[in-house]
C-alpha atoms as a PDB file:
ATOM      1  CA  MET A   1     -85.198-117.907  -4.644  1.00  0.00           C
ATOM      2  CA  LYS A   2     -88.740-119.290  -5.237  1.00  0.00           C
ATOM      3  CA  ASN A   3     -89.829-119.766  -8.999  1.00  0.00           C
ATOM      4  CA  ILE A   4     -92.813-116.943  -9.885  1.00  0.00           C
ATOM      5  CA  PRO A   5     -95.867-118.763 -11.547  1.00  0.00           C
ATOM      6  CA  VAL A   6     -96.450-118.238 -15.007  1.00  0.00           C
ATOM      7  CA  ALA A   7     -99.687-116.372 -14.432  1.00  0.00           C
ATOM      8  CA  LYS A   8     -98.675-114.301 -11.669  1.00  0.00           C
ATOM      9  CA  SER A   9     -95.456-113.667 -13.733  1.00  0.00           C
ATOM     10  CA  LYS A  10     -98.207-112.595 -16.502  1.00  0.00           C
ATOM     11  CA  ASN A  11    -100.736-110.560 -14.709  1.00  0.00           C
ATOM     12  CA  CYS A  12     -97.609-108.274 -13.407  1.00  0.00           C
ATOM     13  CA  ILE A  13     -96.371-107.966 -17.236  1.00  0.00           C
ATOM     14  CA  ILE A  14     -99.762-106.373 -18.025  1.00  0.00           C
ATOM     15  CA  VAL A  15    -100.557-104.115 -15.101  1.00  0.00           C
ATOM     16  CA  ALA A  16     -97.276-102.963 -15.746  1.00  0.00           C
ATOM     17  CA  MET A  17     -97.727-102.144 -19.636  1.00  0.00           C
ATOM     18  CA  ILE A  18    -101.275-100.583 -18.264  1.00  0.00           C
ATOM     19  CA  VAL A  19     -99.394 -97.947 -15.925  1.00  0.00           C
ATOM     20  CA  LEU A  20     -97.035 -96.799 -18.889  1.00  0.00           C
ATOM     21  CA  PHE A  21     -99.406 -96.673 -20.871  1.00  0.00           C
ATOM     22  CA  LEU A  22    -101.711 -94.097 -18.510  1.00  0.00           C
ATOM     23  CA  VAL A  23     -98.773 -92.626 -17.374  1.00  0.00           C
ATOM     24  CA  ALA A  24     -98.160 -91.635 -20.979  1.00  0.00           C
ATOM     25  CA  CYS A  25    -101.631 -91.187 -22.062  1.00  0.00           C
ATOM     26  CA  GLY A  26    -100.957 -88.286 -19.252  1.00  0.00           C
ATOM     27  CA  THR A  27     -98.427 -86.828 -20.434  1.00  0.00           C
ATOM     28  CA  SER A  28     -99.732 -86.415 -24.173  1.00  0.00           C
ATOM     29  CA  LYS A  29    -102.683 -84.654 -22.435  1.00  0.00           C
ATOM     30  CA  LYS A  30    -100.284 -81.945 -20.828  1.00  0.00           C
ATOM     31  CA  ALA A  31     -99.371 -78.719 -23.056  1.00  0.00           C
ATOM     32  CA  LYS A  32     -96.263 -79.388 -24.885  1.00  0.00           C
ATOM     33  CA  LYS A  33     -93.830 -75.750 -24.989  1.00  0.00           C
ATOM     34  CA  SER A  34     -92.318 -74.848 -28.298  1.00  0.00           C
ATOM     35  CA  SER A  35     -88.627 -74.106 -29.358  1.00  0.00           C
ATOM     36  CA  ASP A  36     -89.284 -70.228 -27.783  1.00  0.00           C
ATOM     37  CA  GLY A  37     -90.709 -71.701 -24.467  1.00  0.00           C
ATOM     38  CA  PHE A  38     -93.935 -70.745 -25.044  1.00  0.00           C
ATOM     39  CA  THR A  39     -97.057 -73.248 -24.412  1.00  0.00           C
ATOM     40  CA  LYS A  40    -100.736 -73.302 -25.859  1.00  0.00           C
ATOM     41  CA  LEU A  41    -102.947 -71.622 -23.036  1.00  0.00           C
ATOM     42  CA  PHE A  42    -106.278 -72.728 -25.130  1.00  0.00           C
ATOM     43  CA  ASN A  43    -105.998 -75.588 -27.031  1.00  0.00           C
ATOM     44  CA  GLY A  44    -108.672 -74.653 -29.358  1.00  0.00           C
ATOM     45  CA  LYS A  45    -110.704 -77.390 -29.229  1.00  0.00           C
ATOM     46  CA  ASN A  46    -112.191 -77.449 -25.634  1.00  0.00           C
ATOM     47  CA  TRP A  47    -112.086 -75.347 -22.304  1.00  0.00           C
ATOM     48  CA  ASP A  48    -109.805 -77.921 -20.818  1.00  0.00           C
ATOM     49  CA  GLY A  49    -108.329 -75.575 -18.402  1.00  0.00           C
ATOM     50  CA  TRP A  50    -110.620 -72.862 -18.327  1.00  0.00           C
ATOM     51  CA  TYR A  51    -114.184 -72.212 -17.238  1.00  0.00           C
ATOM     52  CA  LEU A  52    -117.046 -69.579 -18.887  1.00  0.00           C
ATOM     53  CA  LYS A  53    -118.935 -66.689 -16.757  1.00  0.00           C
ATOM     54  CA  ILE A  54    -121.453 -64.518 -17.893  1.00  0.00           C
ATOM     55  CA  ARG A  55    -123.338 -61.615 -15.922  1.00  0.00           C
ATOM     56  CA  LYS A  56    -126.489 -63.571 -16.338  1.00  0.00           C
ATOM     57  CA  GLU A  57    -125.230 -66.880 -14.884  1.00  0.00           C
ATOM     58  CA  ASP A  58    -126.751 -69.293 -17.599  1.00  0.00           C
ATOM     59  CA  PRO A  59    -124.371 -71.724 -18.434  1.00  0.00           C
ATOM     60  CA  GLU A  60    -126.296 -72.620 -21.341  1.00  0.00           C
ATOM     61  CA  LEU A  61    -126.340 -68.787 -22.814  1.00  0.00           C
ATOM     62  CA  ALA A  62    -122.429 -68.568 -22.083  1.00  0.00           C
ATOM     63  CA  LYS A  63    -121.794 -71.067 -24.409  1.00  0.00           C
ATOM     64  CA  LYS A  64    -123.243 -69.511 -27.059  1.00  0.00           C
ATOM     65  CA  VAL A  65    -121.356 -66.125 -25.954  1.00  0.00           C
ATOM     66  CA  PHE A  66    -118.245 -68.051 -26.597  1.00  0.00           C
ATOM     67  CA  GLN A  67    -118.373 -70.068 -29.576  1.00  0.00           C
ATOM     68  CA  ILE A  68    -115.240 -72.550 -30.208  1.00  0.00           C
ATOM     69  CA  GLU A  69    -114.999 -72.721 -34.327  1.00  0.00           C
ATOM     70  CA  ASN A  70    -111.539 -73.416 -36.482  1.00  0.00           C
ATOM     71  CA  GLY A  71    -109.252 -73.526 -33.191  1.00  0.00           C
ATOM     72  CA  MET A  72    -110.454 -70.393 -32.528  1.00  0.00           C
ATOM     73  CA  VAL A  73    -112.664 -68.683 -29.942  1.00  0.00           C
ATOM     74  CA  HIS A  74    -115.602 -66.389 -31.409  1.00  0.00           C
ATOM     75  CA  VAL A  75    -117.570 -64.212 -28.993  1.00  0.00           C
ATOM     76  CA  PHE A  76    -121.081 -63.362 -30.709  1.00  0.00           C
ATOM     77  CA  LYS A  77    -120.937 -65.089 -33.328  1.00  0.00           C
ATOM     78  CA  GLU A  78    -124.738 -64.565 -33.064  1.00  0.00           C
ATOM     79  CA  VAL A  79    -126.322 -62.019 -30.718  1.00  0.00           C
ATOM     80  CA  PRO A  80    -128.337 -63.567 -27.986  1.00  0.00           C
ATOM     81  CA  GLU A  81    -131.977 -62.580 -27.838  1.00  0.00           C
ATOM     82  CA  GLY A  82    -131.983 -59.598 -24.780  1.00  0.00           C
ATOM     83  CA  SER A  83    -127.947 -58.432 -25.686  1.00  0.00           C
ATOM     84  CA  GLU A  84    -129.536 -56.175 -28.337  1.00  0.00           C
ATOM     85  CA  VAL A  85    -127.520 -52.714 -28.268  1.00  0.00           C
ATOM     86  CA  GLY A  86    -129.230 -50.581 -25.575  1.00  0.00           C
ATOM     87  CA  ASN A  87    -130.353 -53.277 -23.234  1.00  0.00           C
ATOM     88  CA  SER A  88    -129.042 -51.812 -20.035  1.00  0.00           C
ATOM     89  CA  ASP A  89    -128.810 -55.312 -18.244  1.00  0.00           C
ATOM     90  CA  ASN A  90    -126.184 -56.286 -20.744  1.00  0.00           C
ATOM     91  CA  PRO A  91    -126.490 -59.931 -19.824  1.00  0.00           C
ATOM     92  CA  THR A  92    -124.169 -61.460 -21.970  1.00  0.00           C
ATOM     93  CA  HIS A  93    -121.029 -59.456 -20.192  1.00  0.00           C
ATOM     94  CA  GLY A  94    -118.467 -62.121 -19.501  1.00  0.00           C
ATOM     95  CA  LEU A  95    -115.002 -63.255 -19.752  1.00  0.00           C
ATOM     96  CA  PHE A  96    -113.963 -66.996 -20.375  1.00  0.00           C
ATOM     97  CA  TYR A  97    -111.112 -67.693 -17.176  1.00  0.00           C
ATOM     98  CA  THR A  98    -108.395 -69.972 -16.722  1.00  0.00           C
ATOM     99  CA  ASN A  99    -109.008 -72.386 -13.870  1.00  0.00           C
ATOM    100  CA  LYS A 100    -105.116 -71.490 -12.612  1.00  0.00           C
ATOM    101  CA  THR A 101    -103.111 -68.399 -11.084  1.00  0.00           C
ATOM    102  CA  TYR A 102    -100.255 -66.839 -12.647  1.00  0.00           C
ATOM    103  CA  SER A 103     -97.385 -64.441 -11.778  1.00  0.00           C
ATOM    104  CA  LYS A 104     -94.846 -63.755 -13.944  1.00  0.00           C
ATOM    105  CA  PHE A 105     -95.194 -64.490 -16.868  1.00  0.00           C
ATOM    106  CA  ILE A 106     -95.262 -63.423 -21.045  1.00  0.00           C
ATOM    107  CA  LEU A 107     -98.969 -63.701 -22.771  1.00  0.00           C
ATOM    108  CA  LYS A 108     -99.376 -63.677 -26.424  1.00  0.00           C
ATOM    109  CA  PHE A 109    -102.585 -63.842 -28.112  1.00  0.00           C
ATOM    110  CA  GLU A 110    -103.750 -62.475 -31.873  1.00  0.00           C
ATOM    111  CA  TYR A 111    -107.743 -60.949 -32.317  1.00  0.00           C
ATOM    112  CA  LYS A 112    -109.718 -59.857 -34.739  1.00  0.00           C
ATOM    113  CA  TRP A 113    -113.129 -57.709 -35.121  1.00  0.00           C
ATOM    114  CA  GLY A 114    -116.536 -59.137 -36.683  1.00  0.00           C
ATOM    115  CA  LYS A 115    -119.194 -56.871 -36.967  1.00  0.00           C
ATOM    116  CA  ASN A 116    -122.066 -57.832 -34.710  1.00  0.00           C
ATOM    117  CA  ILE A 117    -122.667 -55.117 -31.764  1.00  0.00           C
ATOM    118  CA  ALA A 118    -124.175 -56.342 -28.654  1.00  0.00           C
ATOM    119  CA  ASN A 119    -125.267 -53.984 -24.581  1.00  0.00           C
ATOM    120  CA  ASN A 120    -124.129 -51.036 -24.245  1.00  0.00           C
ATOM    121  CA  TYR A 121    -122.288 -50.774 -27.395  1.00  0.00           C
ATOM    122  CA  GLN A 122    -123.630 -46.977 -27.592  1.00  0.00           C
ATOM    123  CA  GLN A 123    -121.196 -46.360 -24.401  1.00  0.00           C
ATOM    124  CA  PHE A 124    -118.381 -48.607 -25.723  1.00  0.00           C
ATOM    125  CA  GLN A 125    -117.947 -49.278 -29.104  1.00  0.00           C
ATOM    126  CA  TYR A 126    -116.041 -52.165 -30.028  1.00  0.00           C
ATOM    127  CA  ASP A 127    -115.020 -53.675 -26.376  1.00  0.00           C
ATOM    128  CA  ALA A 128    -113.622 -56.417 -24.806  1.00  0.00           C
ATOM    129  CA  GLY A 129    -110.482 -57.218 -23.347  1.00  0.00           C
ATOM    130  CA  LEU A 130    -108.162 -59.411 -21.242  1.00  0.00           C
ATOM    131  CA  TYR A 131    -107.496 -59.536 -17.657  1.00  0.00           C
ATOM    132  CA  TYR A 132    -104.841 -60.944 -15.383  1.00  0.00           C
ATOM    133  CA  HIS A 133    -103.672 -60.903 -11.764  1.00  0.00           C
ATOM    134  CA  VAL A 134    -108.102 -61.033 -11.730  1.00  0.00           C
ATOM    135  CA  VAL A 135    -108.548 -62.275  -7.929  1.00  0.00           C
ATOM    136  CA  ASP A 136    -112.097 -62.867  -8.234  1.00  0.00           C
ATOM    137  CA  ASP A 137    -114.308 -63.859 -10.859  1.00  0.00           C
ATOM    138  CA  LYS A 138    -117.341 -61.221 -10.481  1.00  0.00           C
ATOM    139  CA  ILE A 139    -118.756 -58.863 -13.742  1.00  0.00           C
ATOM    140  CA  TRP A 140    -116.719 -56.811 -13.738  1.00  0.00           C
ATOM    141  CA  PRO A 141    -113.814 -58.917 -12.114  1.00  0.00           C
ATOM    142  CA  THR A 142    -110.942 -57.055  -9.446  1.00  0.00           C
ATOM    143  CA  GLY A 143    -107.927 -57.248 -11.876  1.00  0.00           C
ATOM    144  CA  ILE A 144    -105.876 -55.585 -14.482  1.00  0.00           C
ATOM    145  CA  GLU A 145    -107.249 -55.076 -17.698  1.00  0.00           C
ATOM    146  CA  TYR A 146    -105.277 -54.997 -21.069  1.00  0.00           C
ATOM    147  CA  GLN A 147    -107.779 -53.274 -23.167  1.00  0.00           C
ATOM    148  CA  VAL A 148    -109.275 -54.673 -26.528  1.00  0.00           C
ATOM    149  CA  ARG A 149    -110.966 -51.791 -28.138  1.00  0.00           C
ATOM    150  CA  TYR A 150    -111.931 -50.118 -31.565  1.00  0.00           C
ATOM    151  CA  ASN A 151    -113.970 -46.615 -31.731  1.00  0.00           C
ATOM    152  CA  PRO A 152    -114.649 -46.749 -35.729  1.00  0.00           C
ATOM    153  CA  GLU A 153    -116.823 -42.989 -35.159  1.00  0.00           C
ATOM    154  CA  ASN A 154    -113.266 -41.369 -34.569  1.00  0.00           C
ATOM    155  CA  ASN A 155    -110.949 -44.414 -36.033  1.00  0.00           C
ATOM    156  CA  LYS A 156    -109.336 -44.726 -32.803  1.00  0.00           C
ATOM    157  CA  ASN A 157    -107.285 -47.870 -31.293  1.00  0.00           C
ATOM    158  CA  HIS A 158    -107.760 -48.050 -27.682  1.00  0.00           C
ATOM    159  CA  THR A 159    -106.654 -51.722 -27.358  1.00  0.00           C
ATOM    160  CA  GLY A 160    -103.237 -51.654 -24.648  1.00  0.00           C
ATOM    161  CA  ASP A 161    -105.248 -48.933 -22.847  1.00  0.00           C
ATOM    162  CA  TYR A 162    -104.844 -50.536 -18.527  1.00  0.00           C
ATOM    163  CA  TRP A 163    -108.052 -50.489 -16.588  1.00  0.00           C
ATOM    164  CA  GLY A 164    -109.038 -51.435 -12.979  1.00  0.00           C
ATOM    165  CA  LEU A 165    -106.869 -52.353 -10.008  1.00  0.00           C
ATOM    166  CA  ALA A 166    -105.340 -48.751  -9.295  1.00  0.00           C
ATOM    167  CA  PRO A 167    -103.334 -47.172  -8.509  1.00  0.00           C
ATOM    168  CA  TYR A 168    -100.013 -47.998 -10.466  1.00  0.00           C
ATOM    169  CA  ASP A 169     -97.523 -45.656 -11.194  1.00  0.00           C
ATOM    170  CA  TRP A 170     -98.052 -44.537 -14.526  1.00  0.00           C
ATOM    171  CA  THR A 171     -96.264 -41.723 -16.752  1.00  0.00           C
ATOM    172  CA  ALA A 172     -98.044 -39.800 -19.496  1.00  0.00           C
ATOM    173  CA  ASP A 173     -97.713 -36.746 -21.906  1.00  0.00           C
ATOM    174  CA  GLU A 174     -99.831 -33.417 -22.285  1.00  0.00           C
ATOM    175  CA  ASN A 175    -102.190 -35.657 -24.474  1.00  0.00           C
ATOM    176  CA  ASN A 176    -102.518 -38.021 -21.298  1.00  0.00           C
ATOM    177  CA  GLN A 177    -101.987 -41.141 -23.249  1.00  0.00           C
ATOM    178  CA  PHE A 178     -99.024 -43.509 -21.846  1.00  0.00           C
ATOM    179  CA  ALA A 179     -95.406 -41.957 -23.128  1.00  0.00           C
ATOM    180  CA  PHE A 180     -92.238 -42.924 -21.037  1.00  0.00           C
ATOM    181  CA  VAL A 181     -90.090 -40.446 -19.368  1.00  0.00           C
ATOM    182  CA  ASN A 182     -87.145 -40.199 -21.851  1.00  0.00           C
ATOM    183  CA  ASP A 183     -90.396 -39.583 -24.293  1.00  0.00           C
ATOM    184  CA  GLY A 184     -91.491 -36.690 -21.712  1.00  0.00           C
ATOM    185  CA  GLY A 185     -94.077 -38.442 -19.695  1.00  0.00           C
ATOM    186  CA  LYS A 186     -94.391 -37.221 -16.199  1.00  0.00           C
ATOM    187  CA  LEU A 187     -95.795 -39.463 -13.677  1.00  0.00           C
ATOM    188  CA  GLN A 188     -99.243 -39.383 -12.915  1.00  0.00           C
ATOM    189  CA  ALA A 189    -101.383 -38.802  -9.829  1.00  0.00           C
ATOM    190  CA  ALA A 190    -102.717 -42.109  -8.758  1.00  0.00           C
ATOM    191  CA  LYS A 191    -106.253 -42.403 -10.263  1.00  0.00           C
ATOM    192  CA  LYS A 192    -109.166 -45.314 -11.395  1.00  0.00           C
ATOM    193  CA  GLY A 193    -110.273 -46.139 -14.824  1.00  0.00           C
ATOM    194  CA  GLU A 194    -109.020 -45.985 -17.689  1.00  0.00           C
ATOM    195  CA  HIS A 195    -105.202 -45.375 -18.563  1.00  0.00           C
ATOM    196  CA  LEU A 196    -104.309 -44.672 -21.994  1.00  0.00           C
ATOM    197  CA  ALA A 197    -102.118 -45.799 -24.651  1.00  0.00           C
ATOM    198  CA  LYS A 198    -100.281 -44.330 -26.880  1.00  0.00           C
ATOM    199  CA  THR A 199    -101.311 -44.479 -30.593  1.00  0.00           C
ATOM    200  CA  PRO A 200     -99.399 -46.708 -32.227  1.00  0.00           C
ATOM    201  CA  GLN A 201     -97.906 -47.068 -35.368  1.00  0.00           C
ATOM    202  CA  ASN A 202    -100.448 -49.457 -36.757  1.00  0.00           C
ATOM    203  CA  PHE A 203    -103.206 -51.540 -35.908  1.00  0.00           C
ATOM    204  CA  ASN A 204    -106.408 -53.373 -37.235  1.00  0.00           C
ATOM    205  CA  GLY A 205    -109.848 -52.295 -36.843  1.00  0.00           C
ATOM    206  CA  LEU A 206    -113.016 -53.498 -39.036  1.00  0.00           C
ATOM    207  CA  ASN A 207    -110.559 -54.673 -41.678  1.00  0.00           C
ATOM    208  CA  ASP A 208    -111.027 -58.655 -40.839  1.00  0.00           C
ATOM    209  CA  GLN A 209    -107.231 -58.376 -40.376  1.00  0.00           C
ATOM    210  CA  TRP A 210    -105.586 -59.554 -37.084  1.00  0.00           C
ATOM    211  CA  ASN A 211    -103.725 -57.965 -34.145  1.00  0.00           C
ATOM    212  CA  GLN A 212    -100.798 -59.610 -32.236  1.00  0.00           C
ATOM    213  CA  CYS A 213    -101.298 -58.879 -28.865  1.00  0.00           C
ATOM    214  CA  GLU A 214     -98.489 -59.438 -25.958  1.00  0.00           C
ATOM    215  CA  VAL A 215     -98.660 -58.827 -22.323  1.00  0.00           C
ATOM    216  CA  ILE A 216     -95.193 -58.951 -20.229  1.00  0.00           C
ATOM    217  CA  VAL A 217     -96.405 -59.258 -16.463  1.00  0.00           C
ATOM    218  CA  MET A 218     -93.665 -59.237 -13.470  1.00  0.00           C
ATOM    219  CA  ALA A 219     -95.668 -59.971 -10.191  1.00  0.00           C
ATOM    220  CA  ASN A 220     -96.322 -56.535  -8.628  1.00  0.00           C
ATOM    221  CA  LYS A 221     -93.287 -55.132 -10.123  1.00  0.00           C
ATOM    222  CA  TYR A 222     -94.460 -54.375 -13.764  1.00  0.00           C
ATOM    223  CA  SER A 223     -96.207 -54.777 -16.619  1.00  0.00           C
ATOM    224  CA  ILE A 224     -96.047 -54.177 -20.502  1.00  0.00           C
ATOM    225  CA  HIS A 225     -98.400 -54.256 -23.032  1.00  0.00           C
ATOM    226  CA  LYS A 226     -97.639 -54.576 -26.688  1.00  0.00           C
ATOM    227  CA  LEU A 227     -99.958 -53.872 -30.396  1.00  0.00           C
ATOM    228  CA  ASN A 228     -98.452 -55.806 -33.215  1.00  0.00           C
ATOM    229  CA  GLY A 229     -95.151 -55.732 -31.995  1.00  0.00           C
ATOM    230  CA  GLU A 230     -94.780 -51.905 -30.065  1.00  0.00           C
ATOM    231  CA  ILE A 231     -94.644 -51.242 -27.072  1.00  0.00           C
ATOM    232  CA  VAL A 232     -98.202 -48.924 -26.214  1.00  0.00           C
ATOM    233  CA  ASN A 233     -98.242 -49.008 -22.464  1.00  0.00           C
ATOM    234  CA  MET A 234     -96.344 -49.541 -19.349  1.00  0.00           C
ATOM    235  CA  ALA A 235     -97.156 -49.295 -15.578  1.00  0.00           C
ATOM    236  CA  THR A 236     -95.312 -50.431 -12.189  1.00  0.00           C
ATOM    237  CA  ASN A 237     -96.372 -51.186  -8.402  1.00  0.00           C
ATOM    238  CA  PHE A 238     -99.080 -52.748  -9.046  1.00  0.00           C
ATOM    239  CA  VAL A 239    -101.070 -53.829  -5.468  1.00  0.00           C
ATOM    240  CA  ILE A 240    -101.076 -57.652  -6.526  1.00  0.00           C
ATOM    241  CA  SER A 241     -99.201 -60.060  -7.852  1.00  0.00           C
ATOM    242  CA  GLU A 242    -100.745 -62.776  -9.454  1.00  0.00           C
ATOM    243  CA  GLY A 243    -104.031 -63.808  -9.950  1.00  0.00           C
ATOM    244  CA  LYS A 244    -106.431 -65.758 -13.456  1.00  0.00           C
ATOM    245  CA  ILE A 245    -106.577 -64.665 -16.771  1.00  0.00           C
ATOM    246  CA  GLY A 246    -109.441 -64.239 -18.795  1.00  0.00           C
ATOM    247  CA  PHE A 247    -110.737 -62.889 -21.795  1.00  0.00           C
ATOM    248  CA  GLN A 248    -113.786 -60.497 -22.373  1.00  0.00           C
ATOM    249  CA  SER A 249    -116.962 -60.462 -24.262  1.00  0.00           C
ATOM    250  CA  GLU A 250    -118.567 -57.306 -24.012  1.00  0.00           C
ATOM    251  CA  THR A 251    -120.266 -54.893 -26.991  1.00  0.00           C
ATOM    252  CA  GLY A 252    -118.563 -56.179 -30.041  1.00  0.00           C
ATOM    253  CA  GLU A 253    -118.109 -59.584 -32.134  1.00  0.00           C
ATOM    254  CA  LEU A 254    -114.502 -60.685 -32.434  1.00  0.00           C
ATOM    255  CA  TYR A 255    -112.263 -63.727 -32.683  1.00  0.00           C
ATOM    256  CA  TYR A 256    -109.458 -65.157 -30.388  1.00  0.00           C
ATOM    257  CA  ARG A 257    -106.786 -67.543 -31.308  1.00  0.00           C
ATOM    258  CA  ASN A 258    -103.529 -68.368 -30.916  1.00  0.00           C
ATOM    259  CA  ILE A 259    -103.454 -68.044 -26.839  1.00  0.00           C
ATOM    260  CA  ARG A 260    -100.050 -68.659 -25.400  1.00  0.00           C
ATOM    261  CA  ILE A 261     -98.016 -68.404 -22.213  1.00  0.00           C
ATOM    262  CA  LYS A 262     -94.338 -68.126 -21.074  1.00  0.00           C
ATOM    263  CA  GLU A 263     -93.775 -68.397 -17.402  1.00  0.00           C
ATOM    264  CA  PHE A 264     -91.093 -67.408 -15.211  1.00  0.00           C
ATOM    265  CA  ASP A 265     -89.823 -68.380 -11.886  1.00  0.00           C
ATOM    266  CA  GLU A 266     -87.828 -65.132 -11.470  1.00  0.00           C
ATOM    267  CA  ILE A 267     -88.352 -61.275 -11.770  1.00  0.00           C
ATOM    268  CA  VAL A 268     -86.972 -60.649 -15.429  1.00  0.00           C
ATOM    269  CA  PRO A 269     -85.413 -56.690 -15.587  1.00  0.00           C
ATOM    270  CA  MET A 270     -88.035 -54.323 -17.326  1.00  0.00           C
ATOM    271  CA  GLU A 271     -84.710 -53.465 -19.763  1.00  0.00           C
ATOM    272  CA  GLN A 272     -84.723 -56.916 -21.259  1.00  0.00           C
ATOM    273  CA  PHE A 273     -88.023 -55.930 -22.607  1.00  0.00           C
ATOM    274  CA  LEU A 274     -87.446 -52.213 -24.012  1.00  0.00           C
ATOM    275  CA  ASN A 275     -84.724 -52.793 -26.018  1.00  0.00           C
END
């Protein structure tokens, strides 16, 4: 066996150490799973894995609409000029979107309302939302919305309403709010637009308290909308099975935080989430 020159041997060791260091750095950047199987979808520091888009395609304006502070996304910290209530152009309607697409998952996040109002507030008070199964990123996108909304005029919660990408199978009571069949819900004729969540036992409006949201999505089979631990809406048989995820800016100041996701390789029967 030939002797390896000392200089060459040292170079090989140095190269190997550099490779190991780079691998370690790459690994550390990957989101780590917690003990419950969830990973952070938003890291609380920057927009890695996301991109911003608003109706007025202005990247700098989008950064004013969606600001990162204290590990949260602060929407409409200030209302930009031109986005005052009543401006029909609604230039700062928008979303921050994931780069990736998702199909089978549980998504959890928290939100609370601020006080600032903007755009078409007179039509939809304190309105925002979570979109999933987004197949384009226009404003507004083609996808399914977990509505985030509070109307202080009648103290009514709308968080958990469905919006978009209809038709799908949905059951409701005589008040046209979601209800399980066992609770008197009846299958409704296919329609577009809003599918009202049932009134939750508790929700937080303009009291500076956080709401806990959970969306369980299993491809095109079904999704379940939960608010503060309670199932408030559910639908089945969607026309699409995957897409991007996006969080809205629309008419009110709010904060998003603790955005986490748990993905699945196979469809989980809905019965496991209904107990």
